[in-house]
PDB file of all heavy atoms in Angstrom:
ATOM      1  N   ALA A   1       0.825  -1.206   0.000  1.00  0.00           N
ATOM      2  CA  ALA A   1       0.000   0.000   0.000  1.00  0.00           C
ATOM      3  C   ALA A   1       0.862   1.260   0.000  1.00  0.00           C
ATOM      4  O   ALA A   1       0.559   2.238  -0.700  1.00  0.00           O
ATOM      5  CB  ALA A   1      -0.928  -0.015   1.205  1.00  0.00           C
ATOM      6  N   LEU A   2       1.934   1.249   0.779  1.00  0.00           N
ATOM      7  CA  LEU A   2       2.834   2.403   0.812  1.00  0.00           C
ATOM      8  C   LEU A   2       3.417   2.701  -0.562  1.00  0.00           C
ATOM      9  O   LEU A   2       3.564   3.864  -0.953  1.00  0.00           O
ATOM     10  CB  LEU A   2       3.964   2.146   1.808  1.00  0.00           C
ATOM     11  CG  LEU A   2       3.633   2.291   3.284  1.00  0.00           C
ATOM     12  CD1 LEU A   2       4.792   1.765   4.120  1.00  0.00           C
ATOM     13  CD2 LEU A   2       3.344   3.742   3.630  1.00  0.00           C
ATOM     14  N   GLN A   3       3.749   1.669  -1.284  1.00  0.00           N
ATOM     15  CA  GLN A   3       4.334   1.853  -2.610  1.00  0.00           C
ATOM     16  C   GLN A   3       3.346   2.511  -3.565  1.00  0.00           C
ATOM     17  O   GLN A   3       3.740   3.293  -4.437  1.00  0.00           O
ATOM     18  CB  GLN A   3       4.781   0.499  -3.157  1.00  0.00           C
ATOM     19  CG  GLN A   3       5.567   0.588  -4.452  1.00  0.00           C
ATOM     20  CD  GLN A   3       6.115  -0.759  -4.889  1.00  0.00           C
ATOM     21  OE1 GLN A   3       5.716  -1.806  -4.386  1.00  0.00           O
ATOM     22  NE2 GLN A   3       7.040  -0.750  -5.826  1.00  0.00           N
ATOM     23  N   GLN A   4       2.069   2.221  -3.398  1.00  0.00           N
ATOM     24  CA  GLN A   4       1.051   2.768  -4.293  1.00  0.00           C
ATOM     25  C   GLN A   4       0.599   4.174  -3.909  1.00  0.00           C
ATOM     26  O   GLN A   4       0.094   4.921  -4.750  1.00  0.00           O
ATOM     27  CB  GLN A   4      -0.186   1.864  -4.276  1.00  0.00           C
ATOM     28  CG  GLN A   4       0.036   0.449  -4.744  1.00  0.00           C
ATOM     29  CD  GLN A   4      -1.132  -0.444  -4.382  1.00  0.00           C
ATOM     30  OE1 GLN A   4      -2.284  -0.158  -4.728  1.00  0.00           O
ATOM     31  NE2 GLN A   4      -0.860  -1.515  -3.665  1.00  0.00           N
ATOM     32  N   LEU A   5       0.721   4.533  -2.634  1.00  0.00           N
ATOM     33  CA  LEU A   5       0.102   5.753  -2.117  1.00  0.00           C
ATOM     34  C   LEU A   5       0.428   7.022  -2.913  1.00  0.00           C
ATOM     35  O   LEU A   5      -0.478   7.821  -3.182  1.00  0.00           O
ATOM     36  CB  LEU A   5       0.460   5.944  -0.641  1.00  0.00           C
ATOM     37  CG  LEU A   5      -0.233   7.115   0.071  1.00  0.00           C
ATOM     38  CD1 LEU A   5      -1.743   6.953   0.040  1.00  0.00           C
ATOM     39  CD2 LEU A   5       0.268   7.233   1.509  1.00  0.00           C
ATOM     40  N   PRO A   6       1.682   7.278  -3.301  1.00  0.00           N
ATOM     41  CA  PRO A   6       1.951   8.518  -4.045  1.00  0.00           C
ATOM     42  C   PRO A   6       1.119   8.667  -5.317  1.00  0.00           C
ATOM     43  O   PRO A   6       0.758   9.790  -5.691  1.00  0.00           O
ATOM     44  CB  PRO A   6       3.456   8.407  -4.360  1.00  0.00           C
ATOM     45  CG  PRO A   6       4.000   7.532  -3.289  1.00  0.00           C
ATOM     46  CD  PRO A   6       2.927   6.520  -3.013  1.00  0.00           C
ATOM     47  N   ASN A   7       0.806   7.569  -5.967  1.00  0.00           N
ATOM     48  CA  ASN A   7       0.018   7.637  -7.193  1.00  0.00           C
ATOM     49  C   ASN A   7      -1.434   8.000  -6.933  1.00  0.00           C
ATOM     50  O   ASN A   7      -2.173   8.335  -7.873  1.00  0.00           O
ATOM     51  CB  ASN A   7       0.072   6.287  -7.921  1.00  0.00           C
ATOM     52  CG  ASN A   7       1.466   5.951  -8.416  1.00  0.00           C
ATOM     53  OD1 ASN A   7       2.253   6.844  -8.725  1.00  0.00           O
ATOM     54  ND2 ASN A   7       1.783   4.670  -8.475  1.00  0.00           N
ATOM     55  N   TRP A   8      -1.865   7.928  -5.676  1.00  0.00           N
ATOM     56  CA  TRP A   8      -3.239   8.244  -5.295  1.00  0.00           C
ATOM     57  C   TRP A   8      -3.349   9.620  -4.632  1.00  0.00           C
ATOM     58  O   TRP A   8      -4.380   9.961  -4.075  1.00  0.00           O
ATOM     59  CB  TRP A   8      -3.772   7.175  -4.351  1.00  0.00           C
ATOM     60  CG  TRP A   8      -4.003   5.847  -5.014  1.00  0.00           C
ATOM     61  CD1 TRP A   8      -3.060   4.901  -5.317  1.00  0.00           C
ATOM     62  CD2 TRP A   8      -5.246   5.315  -5.475  1.00  0.00           C
ATOM     63  NE1 TRP A   8      -3.636   3.818  -5.922  1.00  0.00           N
ATOM     64  CE2 TRP A   8      -4.985   4.039  -6.024  1.00  0.00           C
ATOM     65  CE3 TRP A   8      -6.557   5.778  -5.458  1.00  0.00           C
ATOM     66  CZ2 TRP A   8      -5.982   3.236  -6.566  1.00  0.00           C
ATOM     67  CZ3 TRP A   8      -7.565   4.982  -5.987  1.00  0.00           C
ATOM     68  CH2 TRP A   8      -7.266   3.732  -6.526  1.00  0.00           C
ATOM     69  N   GLN A   9      -2.267  10.418  -4.707  1.00  0.00           N
ATOM     70  CA  GLN A   9      -2.267  11.734  -4.088  1.00  0.00           C
ATOM     71  C   GLN A   9      -1.875  12.818  -5.097  1.00  0.00           C
ATOM     72  O   GLN A   9      -0.841  13.473  -4.961  1.00  0.00           O
ATOM     73  CB  GLN A   9      -1.300  11.764  -2.904  1.00  0.00           C
ATOM     74  CG  GLN A   9      -1.711  10.880  -1.740  1.00  0.00           C
ATOM     75  CD  GLN A   9      -0.782  11.037  -0.552  1.00  0.00           C
ATOM     76  OE1 GLN A   9       0.232  10.358  -0.450  1.00  0.00           O
ATOM     77  NE2 GLN A   9      -1.123  11.946   0.349  1.00  0.00           N
ATOM     78  N   PRO A  10      -2.685  13.053  -6.120  1.00  0.00           N
ATOM     79  CA  PRO A  10      -2.326  14.051  -7.131  1.00  0.00           C
ATOM     80  C   PRO A  10      -2.276  15.475  -6.595  1.00  0.00           C
ATOM     81  O   PRO A  10      -1.447  16.274  -7.032  1.00  0.00           O
ATOM     82  CB  PRO A  10      -3.436  13.898  -8.177  1.00  0.00           C
ATOM     83  CG  PRO A  10      -4.593  13.299  -7.439  1.00  0.00           C
ATOM     84  CD  PRO A  10      -3.966  12.389  -6.422  1.00  0.00           C
ATOM     85  N   LEU A  11      -3.141  15.804  -5.621  1.00  0.00           N
ATOM     86  CA  LEU A  11      -3.131  17.161  -5.084  1.00  0.00           C
ATOM     87  C   LEU A  11      -1.889  17.402  -4.229  1.00  0.00           C
ATOM     88  O   LEU A  11      -1.300  18.483  -4.260  1.00  0.00           O
ATOM     89  CB  LEU A  11      -4.400  17.413  -4.261  1.00  0.00           C
ATOM     90  CG  LEU A  11      -4.663  18.864  -3.865  1.00  0.00           C
ATOM     91  CD1 LEU A  11      -4.696  19.776  -5.088  1.00  0.00           C
ATOM     92  CD2 LEU A  11      -5.963  18.974  -3.076  1.00  0.00           C
ATOM     93  N   ARG A  12      -1.468  16.400  -3.504  1.00  0.00           N
ATOM     94  CA  ARG A  12      -0.235  16.533  -2.736  1.00  0.00           C
ATOM     95  C   ARG A  12       0.965  16.666  -3.670  1.00  0.00           C
ATOM     96  O   ARG A  12       1.887  17.449  -3.402  1.00  0.00           O
ATOM     97  CB  ARG A  12      -0.034  15.331  -1.817  1.00  0.00           C
ATOM     98  CG  ARG A  12       1.214  15.440  -0.959  1.00  0.00           C
ATOM     99  CD  ARG A  12       1.431  14.192  -0.120  1.00  0.00           C
ATOM    100  NE  ARG A  12       2.580  14.329   0.761  1.00  0.00           N
ATOM    101  CZ  ARG A  12       3.841  14.172   0.398  1.00  0.00           C
ATOM    102  NH1 ARG A  12       4.127  13.855  -0.862  1.00  0.00           N
ATOM    103  NH2 ARG A  12       4.822  14.335   1.253  1.00  0.00           N
ATOM    104  N   ALA A  13       0.959  15.913  -4.767  1.00  0.00           N
ATOM    105  CA  ALA A  13       2.062  15.995  -5.718  1.00  0.00           C
ATOM    106  C   ALA A  13       2.190  17.400  -6.289  1.00  0.00           C
ATOM    107  O   ALA A  13       3.293  17.891  -6.542  1.00  0.00           O
ATOM    108  CB  ALA A  13       1.861  14.979  -6.841  1.00  0.00           C
ATOM    109  N   ALA A  14       1.034  18.064  -6.478  1.00  0.00           N
ATOM    110  CA  ALA A  14       1.053  19.397  -7.080  1.00  0.00           C
ATOM    111  C   ALA A  14       1.343  20.494  -6.070  1.00  0.00           C
ATOM    112  O   ALA A  14       1.992  21.490  -6.399  1.00  0.00           O
ATOM    113  CB  ALA A  14      -0.291  19.669  -7.760  1.00  0.00           C
ATOM    114  N   THR A  15       0.876  20.333  -4.829  1.00  0.00           N
ATOM    115  CA  THR A  15       0.957  21.422  -3.857  1.00  0.00           C
ATOM    116  C   THR A  15       1.851  21.127  -2.664  1.00  0.00           C
ATOM    117  O   THR A  15       2.344  22.057  -2.012  1.00  0.00           O
ATOM    118  CB  THR A  15      -0.440  21.749  -3.306  1.00  0.00           C
ATOM    119  OG1 THR A  15      -0.914  20.637  -2.514  1.00  0.00           O
ATOM    120  CG2 THR A  15      -1.425  22.014  -4.443  1.00  0.00           C
ATOM    121  N   GLY A  16       2.045  19.859  -2.334  1.00  0.00           N
ATOM    122  CA  GLY A  16       2.812  19.494  -1.144  1.00  0.00           C
ATOM    123  C   GLY A  16       2.113  19.820   0.157  1.00  0.00           C
ATOM    124  O   GLY A  16       2.733  19.775   1.221  1.00  0.00           O
ATOM    125  N   ALA A  17       0.805  20.120   0.104  1.00  0.00           N
ATOM    126  CA  ALA A  17       0.123  20.642   1.294  1.00  0.00           C
ATOM    127  C   ALA A  17      -1.051  19.806   1.759  1.00  0.00           C
ATOM    128  O   ALA A  17      -1.784  20.247   2.640  1.00  0.00           O
ATOM    129  CB  ALA A  17      -0.363  22.070   1.017  1.00  0.00           C
ATOM    130  N   CYS A  18      -1.240  18.625   1.202  1.00  0.00           N
ATOM    131  CA  CYS A  18      -2.442  17.865   1.519  1.00  0.00           C
ATOM    132  C   CYS A  18      -2.111  16.501   2.108  1.00  0.00           C
ATOM    133  O   CYS A  18      -1.110  15.880   1.767  1.00  0.00           O
ATOM    134  CB  CYS A  18      -3.299  17.666   0.270  1.00  0.00           C
ATOM    135  SG  CYS A  18      -4.080  19.179  -0.281  1.00  0.00           S
ATOM    136  N   HIS A  19      -2.995  16.061   2.984  1.00  0.00           N
ATOM    137  CA  HIS A  19      -2.925  14.709   3.524  1.00  0.00           C
ATOM    138  C   HIS A  19      -3.784  13.782   2.668  1.00  0.00           C
ATOM    139  O   HIS A  19      -4.728  14.220   2.000  1.00  0.00           O
ATOM    140  CB  HIS A  19      -3.437  14.676   4.959  1.00  0.00           C
ATOM    141  CG  HIS A  19      -2.462  15.230   5.945  1.00  0.00           C
ATOM    142  ND1 HIS A  19      -1.237  14.655   6.177  1.00  0.00           N
ATOM    143  CD2 HIS A  19      -2.539  16.318   6.768  1.00  0.00           C
ATOM    144  CE1 HIS A  19      -0.594  15.361   7.106  1.00  0.00           C
ATOM    145  NE2 HIS A  19      -1.355  16.367   7.467  1.00  0.00           N
ATOM    146  N   GLY A  20      -3.450  12.504   2.728  1.00  0.00           N
ATOM    147  CA  GLY A  20      -4.229  11.503   2.024  1.00  0.00           C
ATOM    148  C   GLY A  20      -4.681  10.414   2.977  1.00  0.00           C
ATOM    149  O   GLY A  20      -4.023  10.136   3.985  1.00  0.00           O
ATOM    150  N   ALA A  21      -5.820   9.807   2.663  1.00  0.00           N
ATOM    151  CA  ALA A  21      -6.312   8.641   3.392  1.00  0.00           C
ATOM    152  C   ALA A  21      -6.794   7.649   2.349  1.00  0.00           C
ATOM    153  O   ALA A  21      -7.533   8.017   1.430  1.00  0.00           O
ATOM    154  CB  ALA A  21      -7.441   9.024   4.343  1.00  0.00           C
ATOM    155  N   ALA A  22      -6.362   6.402   2.474  1.00  0.00           N
ATOM    156  CA  ALA A  22      -6.689   5.388   1.471  1.00  0.00           C
ATOM    157  C   ALA A  22      -7.246   4.147   2.155  1.00  0.00           C
ATOM    158  O   ALA A  22      -6.763   3.736   3.216  1.00  0.00           O
ATOM    159  CB  ALA A  22      -5.446   5.018   0.667  1.00  0.00           C
ATOM    160  N   TRP A  23      -8.265   3.549   1.530  1.00  0.00           N
ATOM    161  CA  TRP A  23      -8.774   2.266   1.997  1.00  0.00           C
ATOM    162  C   TRP A  23      -8.093   1.175   1.177  1.00  0.00           C
ATOM    163  O   TRP A  23      -8.075   1.230  -0.050  1.00  0.00           O
ATOM    164  CB  TRP A  23     -10.283   2.164   1.874  1.00  0.00           C
ATOM    165  CG  TRP A  23     -10.780   0.796   2.272  1.00  0.00           C
ATOM    166  CD1 TRP A  23     -11.331  -0.155   1.482  1.00  0.00           C
ATOM    167  CD2 TRP A  23     -10.717   0.234   3.587  1.00  0.00           C
ATOM    168  NE1 TRP A  23     -11.622  -1.281   2.204  1.00  0.00           N
ATOM    169  CE2 TRP A  23     -11.251  -1.076   3.509  1.00  0.00           C
ATOM    170  CE3 TRP A  23     -10.254   0.696   4.824  1.00  0.00           C
ATOM    171  CZ2 TRP A  23     -11.343  -1.918   4.612  1.00  0.00           C
ATOM    172  CZ3 TRP A  23     -10.347  -0.140   5.921  1.00  0.00           C
ATOM    173  CH2 TRP A  23     -10.886  -1.425   5.816  1.00  0.00           C
ATOM    174  N   CYS A  24      -7.512   0.211   1.889  1.00  0.00           N
ATOM    175  CA  CYS A  24      -6.706  -0.824   1.254  1.00  0.00           C
ATOM    176  C   CYS A  24      -7.303  -2.199   1.536  1.00  0.00           C
ATOM    177  O   CYS A  24      -7.804  -2.465   2.639  1.00  0.00           O
ATOM    178  CB  CYS A  24      -5.280  -0.785   1.795  1.00  0.00           C
ATOM    179  SG  CYS A  24      -4.537   0.871   1.806  1.00  0.00           S
ATOM    180  N   SER A  25      -7.225  -3.062   0.551  1.00  0.00           N
ATOM    181  CA  SER A  25      -7.686  -4.433   0.730  1.00  0.00           C
ATOM    182  C   SER A  25      -6.726  -5.181   1.644  1.00  0.00           C
ATOM    183  O   SER A  25      -5.645  -4.685   1.990  1.00  0.00           O
ATOM    184  CB  SER A  25      -7.777  -5.142  -0.617  1.00  0.00           C
ATOM    185  OG  SER A  25      -6.484  -5.305  -1.181  1.00  0.00           O
ATOM    186  N   ALA A  26      -7.107  -6.391   2.032  1.00  0.00           N
ATOM    187  CA  ALA A  26      -6.285  -7.169   2.954  1.00  0.00           C
ATOM    188  C   ALA A  26      -4.897  -7.457   2.397  1.00  0.00           C
ATOM    189  O   ALA A  26      -3.944  -7.650   3.159  1.00  0.00           O
ATOM    190  CB  ALA A  26      -6.994  -8.478   3.299  1.00  0.00           C
ATOM    191  N   ASP A  27      -4.757  -7.474   1.073  1.00  0.00           N
ATOM    192  CA  ASP A  27      -3.438  -7.733   0.481  1.00  0.00           C
ATOM    193  C   ASP A  27      -2.692  -6.444   0.120  1.00  0.00           C
ATOM    194  O   ASP A  27      -1.650  -6.493  -0.526  1.00  0.00           O
ATOM    195  CB  ASP A  27      -3.558  -8.639  -0.736  1.00  0.00           C
ATOM    196  CG  ASP A  27      -4.422  -8.042  -1.839  1.00  0.00           C
ATOM    197  OD1 ASP A  27      -4.930  -6.913  -1.653  1.00  0.00           O
ATOM    198  OD2 ASP A  27      -4.609  -8.707  -2.872  1.00  0.00           O
ATOM    199  N   GLY A  28      -3.235  -5.292   0.531  1.00  0.00           N
ATOM    200  CA  GLY A  28      -2.523  -4.035   0.345  1.00  0.00           C
ATOM    201  C   GLY A  28      -2.820  -3.295  -0.935  1.00  0.00           C
ATOM    202  O   GLY A  28      -2.131  -2.336  -1.275  1.00  0.00           O
ATOM    203  N   GLU A  29      -3.866  -3.688  -1.647  1.00  0.00           N
ATOM    204  CA  GLU A  29      -4.251  -2.974  -2.867  1.00  0.00           C
ATOM    205  C   GLU A  29      -5.122  -1.779  -2.487  1.00  0.00           C
ATOM    206  O   GLU A  29      -6.139  -1.920  -1.818  1.00  0.00           O
ATOM    207  CB  GLU A  29      -5.035  -3.907  -3.792  1.00  0.00           C
ATOM    208  CG  GLU A  29      -5.324  -3.328  -5.161  1.00  0.00           C
ATOM    209  CD  GLU A  29      -4.100  -3.248  -6.056  1.00  0.00           C
ATOM    210  OE1 GLU A  29      -3.132  -4.001  -5.794  1.00  0.00           O
ATOM    211  OE2 GLU A  29      -4.116  -2.444  -6.998  1.00  0.00           O
ATOM    212  N   ILE A  30      -4.712  -0.578  -2.903  1.00  0.00           N
ATOM    213  CA  ILE A  30      -5.522   0.612  -2.622  1.00  0.00           C
ATOM    214  C   ILE A  30      -6.754   0.595  -3.515  1.00  0.00           C
ATOM    215  O   ILE A  30      -6.648   0.484  -4.733  1.00  0.00           O
ATOM    216  CB  ILE A  30      -4.713   1.900  -2.819  1.00  0.00           C
ATOM    217  CG1 ILE A  30      -3.603   2.000  -1.766  1.00  0.00           C
ATOM    218  CG2 ILE A  30      -5.623   3.128  -2.731  1.00  0.00           C
ATOM    219  CD1 ILE A  30      -2.762   3.258  -1.862  1.00  0.00           C
ATOM    220  N   ILE A  31      -7.922   0.742  -2.897  1.00  0.00           N
ATOM    221  CA  ILE A  31      -9.185   0.690  -3.619  1.00  0.00           C
ATOM    222  C   ILE A  31      -9.740   2.087  -3.874  1.00  0.00           C
ATOM    223  O   ILE A  31     -10.234   2.384  -4.953  1.00  0.00           O
ATOM    224  CB  ILE A  31     -10.203  -0.155  -2.833  1.00  0.00           C
ATOM    225  CG1 ILE A  31      -9.674  -1.578  -2.642  1.00  0.00           C
ATOM    226  CG2 ILE A  31     -11.555  -0.183  -3.547  1.00  0.00           C
ATOM    227  CD1 ILE A  31     -10.526  -2.425  -1.724  1.00  0.00           C
ATOM    228  N   VAL A  32      -9.646   2.947  -2.874  1.00  0.00           N
ATOM    229  CA  VAL A  32     -10.145   4.312  -3.018  1.00  0.00           C
ATOM    230  C   VAL A  32      -9.358   5.196  -2.058  1.00  0.00           C
ATOM    231  O   VAL A  32      -8.896   4.742  -1.011  1.00  0.00           O
ATOM    232  CB  VAL A  32     -11.667   4.387  -2.716  1.00  0.00           C
ATOM    233  CG1 VAL A  32     -11.970   3.928  -1.301  1.00  0.00           C
ATOM    234  CG2 VAL A  32     -12.222   5.786  -2.964  1.00  0.00           C
ATOM    235  N   SER A  33      -9.171   6.460  -2.430  1.00  0.00           N
ATOM    236  CA  SER A  33      -8.462   7.392  -1.554  1.00  0.00           C
ATOM    237  C   SER A  33      -9.069   8.780  -1.686  1.00  0.00           C
ATOM    238  O   SER A  33      -9.764   9.078  -2.668  1.00  0.00           O
ATOM    239  CB  SER A  33      -6.969   7.449  -1.892  1.00  0.00           C
ATOM    240  OG  SER A  33      -6.757   8.153  -3.104  1.00  0.00           O
ATOM    241  N   ARG A  34      -8.800   9.612  -0.713  1.00  0.00           N
ATOM    242  CA  ARG A  34      -9.260  10.993  -0.727  1.00  0.00           C
ATOM    243  C   ARG A  34      -8.178  11.885  -0.125  1.00  0.00           C
ATOM    244  O   ARG A  34      -7.347  11.437   0.672  1.00  0.00           O
ATOM    245  CB  ARG A  34     -10.564  11.157   0.051  1.00  0.00           C
ATOM    246  CG  ARG A  34     -11.789  10.530  -0.621  1.00  0.00           C
ATOM    247  CD  ARG A  34     -12.126  11.262  -1.903  1.00  0.00           C
ATOM    248  NE  ARG A  34     -13.311  10.749  -2.574  1.00  0.00           N
ATOM    249  CZ  ARG A  34     -13.308   9.854  -3.546  1.00  0.00           C
ATOM    250  NH1 ARG A  34     -12.143   9.332  -3.952  1.00  0.00           N
ATOM    251  NH2 ARG A  34     -14.423   9.467  -4.121  1.00  0.00           N
ATOM    252  N   GLU A  35      -8.193  13.185  -0.501  1.00  0.00           N
ATOM    253  CA  GLU A  35      -7.189  14.140  -0.034  1.00  0.00           C
ATOM    254  C   GLU A  35      -7.849  15.372   0.562  1.00  0.00           C
ATOM    255  O   GLU A  35      -8.966  15.742   0.196  1.00  0.00           O
ATOM    256  CB  GLU A  35      -6.297  14.580  -1.189  1.00  0.00           C
ATOM    257  CG  GLU A  35      -5.402  13.510  -1.772  1.00  0.00           C
ATOM    258  CD  GLU A  35      -4.501  14.074  -2.848  1.00  0.00           C
ATOM    259  OE1 GLU A  35      -4.951  14.183  -4.003  1.00  0.00           O
ATOM    260  OE2 GLU A  35      -3.343  14.410  -2.535  1.00  0.00           O
TER     261      GLU A  35
END
């Protein structure tokens, strides 16, 4: 999940100012995220 997280944070990538929260499956696959 950690490896995938940056790809689910486009606003943080652009601004550096946002937090992200992601729901991950039992095997660590990110299903949905919000910033």
